[in-house]
Amino acid sequence: MNIYWESFKTFFKIGIFTLGGGYAMIPLIEEEVVNKKQWVTKDEMLDLIAIAQSCPGVFAINIAIFIGYKLKKERGAFATAAGTALPSFLIILAIAMFFSQFKDNPIVAAMFRGIRPAVVALIAVPTFNLAKRAELNKWTIWIPIVSSLLIWLMGVSPIWIIILAGIGGYLYGKYFATDNNGLNRT
């Protein structure tokens, strides 16, 4: 079977059936790529999500590129990125062509109002799953809470949060982390 075509089809299917953006895609990507096709492990998926979040650009495309690259380098990355982007492009193109005819339609407005709670749930579920796999505990739970509050209440740029988290992670790894034998690595 052609891995390029298979990866394109997989990500096209994920892209066409996902509402709510990249974070809503996480459960579908995980089901297809980790559980069904076993292209990446659960731990690799968690790492890829973290990397995709920290890179500039669209999250869904970033994670597709990283998975495709892991499969078949540049050509694999192109296949998965195209599969992810093409459904959105086609849907937006169709909406742009016909939106003016339907924008005031109460049925269309009601559909969008009905979709919103589902999108929130689709984003919340992978967030909680990621938190569980990240092994948050009483010593680390404050990090996402404080980060969220700094962004929401104080208007701190997420870029500064990422930079501070990177510095903190480096310092923790250098001075406080232990190896597999329980010994301090410094």
Protein backbone atom coordinates (compact mmCIF):
# COMPACT_ATOMS: atom_id res chain seq x y z
CA MET A 1 0.00 0.00 0.00
CA ASN A 2 1.26 3.49 -0.85
CA ILE A 3 2.04 5.22 2.47
CA TYR A 4 1.78 8.68 0.89
CA TRP A 5 -1.74 8.05 -0.37
CA GLU A 6 -2.72 6.30 2.87
CA SER A 7 -1.44 9.17 5.04
CA PHE A 8 -3.09 11.75 2.75
CA LYS A 9 -6.44 9.90 2.97
CA THR A 10 -6.17 9.52 6.73
CA PHE A 11 -5.54 13.21 7.34
CA PHE A 12 -8.08 14.24 4.70
CA LYS A 13 -10.71 12.18 6.55
CA ILE A 14 -9.69 13.74 9.86
CA GLY A 15 -9.76 17.22 8.32
CA ILE A 16 -13.17 16.84 6.72
CA PHE A 17 -14.89 15.48 9.83
CA THR A 18 -13.43 17.85 12.40
CA LEU A 19 -15.19 20.97 13.56
CA GLY A 20 -13.43 23.38 15.89
CA GLY A 21 -9.88 23.50 14.63
CA GLY A 22 -6.68 21.69 15.44
CA TYR A 23 -7.33 20.91 19.09
CA ALA A 24 -10.62 19.27 18.22
CA MET A 25 -8.63 17.04 15.84
CA ILE A 26 -6.46 15.55 18.57
CA PRO A 27 -8.81 12.67 19.50
CA LEU A 28 -9.33 11.77 15.84
CA ILE A 29 -5.62 11.95 15.04
CA GLU A 30 -4.81 9.87 18.10
CA GLU A 31 -7.40 7.24 17.22
CA GLU A 32 -6.21 6.93 13.62
CA VAL A 33 -2.48 7.46 13.95
CA VAL A 34 -1.77 5.91 17.36
CA ASN A 35 -4.46 3.29 17.92
CA LYS A 36 -5.42 2.08 14.43
CA LYS A 37 -2.39 2.60 12.20
CA GLN A 38 0.25 2.66 14.96
CA TRP A 39 2.39 5.17 13.07
CA VAL A 40 3.41 6.79 16.38
CA THR A 41 3.23 5.74 20.02
CA LYS A 42 1.19 7.52 22.68
CA ASP A 43 4.34 9.07 24.14
CA GLU A 44 5.49 10.25 20.71
CA MET A 45 2.03 11.73 20.12
CA LEU A 46 2.25 13.68 23.37
CA ASP A 47 5.68 15.00 22.35
CA LEU A 48 4.44 15.89 18.85
CA ILE A 49 1.49 17.80 20.32
CA ALA A 50 3.84 19.78 22.56
CA ILE A 51 6.15 20.57 19.65
CA ALA A 52 3.24 21.48 17.33
CA GLN A 53 1.85 23.85 19.97
CA SER A 54 5.16 25.64 20.37
CA CYS A 55 5.77 26.15 16.65
CA PRO A 56 4.33 29.07 14.72
CA GLY A 57 1.50 28.27 12.35
CA VAL A 58 -1.69 26.29 12.37
CA PHE A 59 -1.67 23.54 15.00
CA ALA A 60 -3.41 20.93 12.83
CA ILE A 61 -0.98 21.46 9.96
CA ASN A 62 2.01 21.41 12.32
CA ILE A 63 1.07 18.09 13.88
CA ALA A 64 0.27 16.60 10.46
CA ILE A 65 3.67 17.72 9.16
CA PHE A 66 5.49 16.20 12.14
CA ILE A 67 3.68 12.87 11.80
CA GLY A 68 4.20 12.80 8.03
CA TYR A 69 7.88 13.66 8.45
CA LYS A 70 8.28 10.83 10.94
CA LEU A 71 6.71 8.46 8.43
CA LYS A 72 8.45 9.44 5.20
CA LYS A 73 10.46 12.64 5.67
CA GLU A 74 9.60 15.60 3.39
CA ARG A 75 7.25 13.77 1.02
CA GLY A 76 5.35 12.27 3.95
CA ALA A 77 5.07 15.69 5.56
CA PHE A 78 3.70 17.13 2.32
CA ALA A 79 1.12 14.32 1.99
CA THR A 80 -0.19 14.70 5.54
CA ALA A 81 -0.19 18.51 5.41
CA ALA A 82 -2.09 18.50 2.11
CA GLY A 83 -4.57 15.97 3.49
CA THR A 84 -5.18 18.16 6.53
CA ALA A 85 -5.45 21.49 4.71
CA LEU A 86 -7.43 20.50 1.63
CA PRO A 87 -10.81 19.82 3.33
CA SER A 88 -10.75 23.18 5.13
CA PHE A 89 -9.73 24.95 1.95
CA LEU A 90 -12.56 23.36 -0.04
CA ILE A 91 -15.15 24.03 2.68
CA ILE A 92 -14.08 27.66 3.08
CA LEU A 93 -14.10 28.09 -0.68
CA ALA A 94 -17.66 26.74 -0.88
CA ILE A 95 -18.79 28.91 2.04
CA ALA A 96 -17.21 31.98 0.45
CA MET A 97 -19.00 31.28 -2.80
CA PHE A 98 -22.43 30.86 -1.21
CA PHE A 99 -22.26 32.64 2.18
CA SER A 100 -23.98 35.82 1.11
CA GLN A 101 -27.04 33.76 0.16
CA PHE A 102 -27.26 32.02 3.55
CA LYS A 103 -25.81 34.42 6.13
CA ASP A 104 -29.22 35.65 7.33
CA ASN A 105 -30.89 32.24 7.25
CA PRO A 106 -32.18 31.39 10.78
CA ILE A 107 -31.62 27.66 10.23
CA VAL A 108 -27.94 28.21 9.40
CA ALA A 109 -27.56 30.52 12.42
CA ALA A 110 -29.21 27.90 14.66
CA MET A 111 -26.86 25.21 13.32
CA PHE A 112 -23.82 27.31 14.24
CA ARG A 113 -25.22 27.98 17.72
CA GLY A 114 -25.75 24.24 18.16
CA ILE A 115 -22.23 23.37 17.04
CA ARG A 116 -20.51 25.68 19.57
CA PRO A 117 -21.04 23.51 22.70
CA ALA A 118 -19.86 20.42 20.82
CA VAL A 119 -16.70 22.23 19.76
CA VAL A 120 -16.00 23.21 23.37
CA ALA A 121 -16.34 19.57 24.41
CA LEU A 122 -14.13 18.42 21.53
CA ILE A 123 -11.41 20.78 22.75
CA ALA A 124 -11.89 20.07 26.47
CA VAL A 125 -11.61 16.27 26.24
CA PRO A 126 -8.13 16.17 24.67
CA THR A 127 -6.99 18.90 27.05
CA PHE A 128 -7.92 16.75 30.06
CA ASN A 129 -6.39 13.66 28.43
CA LEU A 130 -3.15 15.53 27.78
CA ALA A 131 -3.09 16.75 31.38
CA LYS A 132 -3.47 13.17 32.64
CA ARG A 133 -0.68 11.89 30.39
CA ALA A 134 1.56 14.81 31.33
CA GLU A 135 1.35 13.42 34.88
CA LEU A 136 0.34 16.67 36.54
CA ASN A 137 0.46 16.43 40.31
CA LYS A 138 0.22 18.71 43.33
CA TRP A 139 3.71 20.05 42.56
CA THR A 140 3.10 20.83 38.88
CA ILE A 141 -0.63 21.63 38.59
CA TRP A 142 0.06 25.29 39.38
CA ILE A 143 1.98 25.77 36.10
CA PRO A 144 -1.00 25.60 33.67
CA ILE A 145 -3.26 27.40 36.16
CA VAL A 146 -0.87 30.32 36.69
CA SER A 147 -0.10 30.45 32.96
CA SER A 148 -3.78 30.64 32.08
CA LEU A 149 -4.45 33.32 34.67
CA LEU A 150 -1.47 35.40 33.51
CA ILE A 151 -2.74 35.27 29.93
CA TRP A 152 -6.41 35.78 30.72
CA LEU A 153 -6.38 38.27 33.59
CA MET A 154 -3.14 40.15 33.10
CA GLY A 155 -2.87 40.04 29.30
CA VAL A 156 0.62 38.47 29.35
CA SER A 157 1.61 37.28 25.88
CA PRO A 158 1.64 33.47 25.52
CA ILE A 159 5.07 33.87 23.93
CA TRP A 160 6.49 35.03 27.28
CA ILE A 161 4.83 32.09 29.01
CA ILE A 162 6.44 29.68 26.52
CA ILE A 163 9.85 31.31 26.94
CA LEU A 164 9.60 31.22 30.75
CA ALA A 165 8.41 27.60 30.67
CA GLY A 166 11.36 26.68 28.44
CA ILE A 167 13.82 28.37 30.79
CA GLY A 168 12.14 26.79 33.81
CA GLY A 169 12.21 23.35 32.20
CA TYR A 170 15.87 23.73 31.34
CA LEU A 171 16.78 24.84 34.86
CA TYR A 172 14.70 22.05 36.41
CA GLY A 173 16.33 19.46 34.16
CA LYS A 174 19.81 20.79 34.87
CA TYR A 175 19.58 21.22 38.64
CA PHE A 176 16.68 19.22 40.05
CA ALA A 177 15.78 16.30 37.78
CA THR A 178 16.87 12.79 38.60
CA ASP A 179 17.83 9.96 36.29
CA ASN A 180 16.09 6.57 36.15
CA ASN A 181 18.06 5.40 39.19
CA GLY A 182 16.79 8.24 41.36
CA LEU A 183 20.14 10.02 41.32
CA ASN A 184 20.41 13.75 40.75
CA ARG A 185 21.85 14.36 37.28
CA THR A 186 24.01 17.32 38.34
